[in-house]
């Protein structure tokens, strides 16, 4: 009977399992690039939206950018 070759070698899989089980962090922050996707991008989105809200409030209070 033929067996299908695995996607990754067993040694690499065991090494990754040991790495992820030894880290004492939340699951979504365990990978090498997870801080960028889980922390930096939401902070950048929140900062840009707060900037746009602040600009809009400033423009409304001073009457800038009105259509005639």
C-alpha atoms as a PDB file:
ATOM      1  CA  UNK A   1       0.000   0.000   0.000  1.00  0.00           C
ATOM      2  CA  UNK A   2       1.323   3.418  -0.958  1.00  0.00           C
ATOM      3  CA  UNK A   3       1.458   6.147   1.635  1.00  0.00           C
ATOM      4  CA  UNK A   4       1.237   9.831   0.912  1.00  0.00           C
ATOM      5  CA  UNK A   5       4.322  11.897   1.676  1.00  0.00           C
ATOM      6  CA  UNK A   6       3.769  14.446   4.450  1.00  0.00           C
ATOM      7  CA  UNK A   7       3.753  18.179   3.785  1.00  0.00           C
ATOM      8  CA  UNK A   8       6.533  18.749   6.305  1.00  0.00           C
ATOM      9  CA  UNK A   9       9.160  16.438   7.722  1.00  0.00           C
ATOM     10  CA  UNK A  10       8.223  14.992  11.108  1.00  0.00           C
ATOM     11  CA  UNK A  11      11.288  16.534  12.790  1.00  0.00           C
ATOM     12  CA  UNK A  12      10.292  20.062  11.721  1.00  0.00           C
ATOM     13  CA  UNK A  13       6.760  19.476  12.958  1.00  0.00           C
ATOM     14  CA  UNK A  14       7.958  18.291  16.366  1.00  0.00           C
ATOM     15  CA  UNK A  15      10.322  21.271  16.599  1.00  0.00           C
ATOM     16  CA  UNK A  16       7.463  23.714  15.873  1.00  0.00           C
ATOM     17  CA  UNK A  17       5.206  21.959  18.391  1.00  0.00           C
ATOM     18  CA  UNK A  18       7.857  22.231  21.102  1.00  0.00           C
ATOM     19  CA  UNK A  19       8.351  25.924  20.303  1.00  0.00           C
ATOM     20  CA  UNK A  20       4.652  26.808  20.419  1.00  0.00           C
ATOM     21  CA  UNK A  21       3.958  24.758  23.547  1.00  0.00           C
ATOM     22  CA  UNK A  22       6.872  26.283  25.457  1.00  0.00           C
ATOM     23  CA  UNK A  23       5.939  29.940  24.854  1.00  0.00           C
ATOM     24  CA  UNK A  24       3.763  31.338  27.649  1.00  0.00           C
ATOM     25  CA  UNK A  25       1.759  33.830  25.613  1.00  0.00           C
ATOM     26  CA  UNK A  26      -1.672  33.998  24.062  1.00  0.00           C
ATOM     27  CA  UNK A  27      -2.163  31.749  21.064  1.00  0.00           C
ATOM     28  CA  UNK A  28      -2.567  34.635  18.615  1.00  0.00           C
ATOM     29  CA  UNK A  29       0.794  36.163  19.633  1.00  0.00           C
ATOM     30  CA  UNK A  30       3.010  33.070  19.403  1.00  0.00           C
ATOM     31  CA  UNK A  31       4.220  33.341  15.814  1.00  0.00           C
ATOM     32  CA  UNK A  32       7.121  35.526  14.664  1.00  0.00           C
ATOM     33  CA  UNK A  33       5.003  38.040  12.715  1.00  0.00           C
ATOM     34  CA  UNK A  34       1.890  37.909  14.898  1.00  0.00           C
ATOM     35  CA  UNK A  35       2.684  41.090  16.800  1.00  0.00           C
ATOM     36  CA  UNK A  36       2.488  43.046  13.564  1.00  0.00           C
ATOM     37  CA  UNK A  37      -0.903  41.671  12.560  1.00  0.00           C
ATOM     38  CA  UNK A  38      -2.462  41.538  16.031  1.00  0.00           C
ATOM     39  CA  UNK A  39      -1.087  44.708  17.614  1.00  0.00           C
ATOM     40  CA  UNK A  40       0.481  47.178  15.178  1.00  0.00           C
ATOM     41  CA  UNK A  41      -2.178  47.170  12.455  1.00  0.00           C
ATOM     42  CA  UNK A  42      -5.147  47.718  14.832  1.00  0.00           C
ATOM     43  CA  UNK A  43      -3.241  50.507  16.616  1.00  0.00           C
ATOM     44  CA  UNK A  44      -2.487  52.175  13.260  1.00  0.00           C
ATOM     45  CA  UNK A  45      -6.137  51.913  12.196  1.00  0.00           C
ATOM     46  CA  UNK A  46      -7.339  53.353  15.506  1.00  0.00           C
ATOM     47  CA  UNK A  47      -4.830  56.219  15.344  1.00  0.00           C
ATOM     48  CA  UNK A  48      -5.757  57.145  11.774  1.00  0.00           C
ATOM     49  CA  UNK A  49      -9.485  57.043  12.545  1.00  0.00           C
ATOM     50  CA  UNK A  50      -9.002  59.240  15.631  1.00  0.00           C
ATOM     51  CA  UNK A  51      -7.001  61.690  13.512  1.00  0.00           C
ATOM     52  CA  UNK A  52      -9.766  61.850  10.903  1.00  0.00           C
ATOM     53  CA  UNK A  53     -12.451  62.316  13.562  1.00  0.00           C
ATOM     54  CA  UNK A  54     -10.407  65.107  15.160  1.00  0.00           C
ATOM     55  CA  UNK A  55      -9.886  66.815  11.816  1.00  0.00           C
ATOM     56  CA  UNK A  56     -13.606  66.610  11.070  1.00  0.00           C
ATOM     57  CA  UNK A  57     -14.559  68.089  14.438  1.00  0.00           C
ATOM     58  CA  UNK A  58     -12.029  70.905  13.972  1.00  0.00           C
ATOM     59  CA  UNK A  59     -13.321  71.666  10.475  1.00  0.00           C
ATOM     60  CA  UNK A  60     -16.951  71.666  11.639  1.00  0.00           C
ATOM     61  CA  UNK A  61     -16.250  73.937  14.606  1.00  0.00           C
ATOM     62  CA  UNK A  62     -14.372  76.470  12.475  1.00  0.00           C
ATOM     63  CA  UNK A  63     -16.557  76.258   9.395  1.00  0.00           C
ATOM     64  CA  UNK A  64     -13.766  75.071   7.106  1.00  0.00           C
ATOM     65  CA  UNK A  65     -14.550  73.099   3.968  1.00  0.00           C
ATOM     66  CA  UNK A  66     -18.238  73.964   3.659  1.00  0.00           C
ATOM     67  CA  UNK A  67     -19.973  73.718   0.326  1.00  0.00           C
ATOM     68  CA  UNK A  68     -21.492  76.973  -0.794  1.00  0.00           C
END
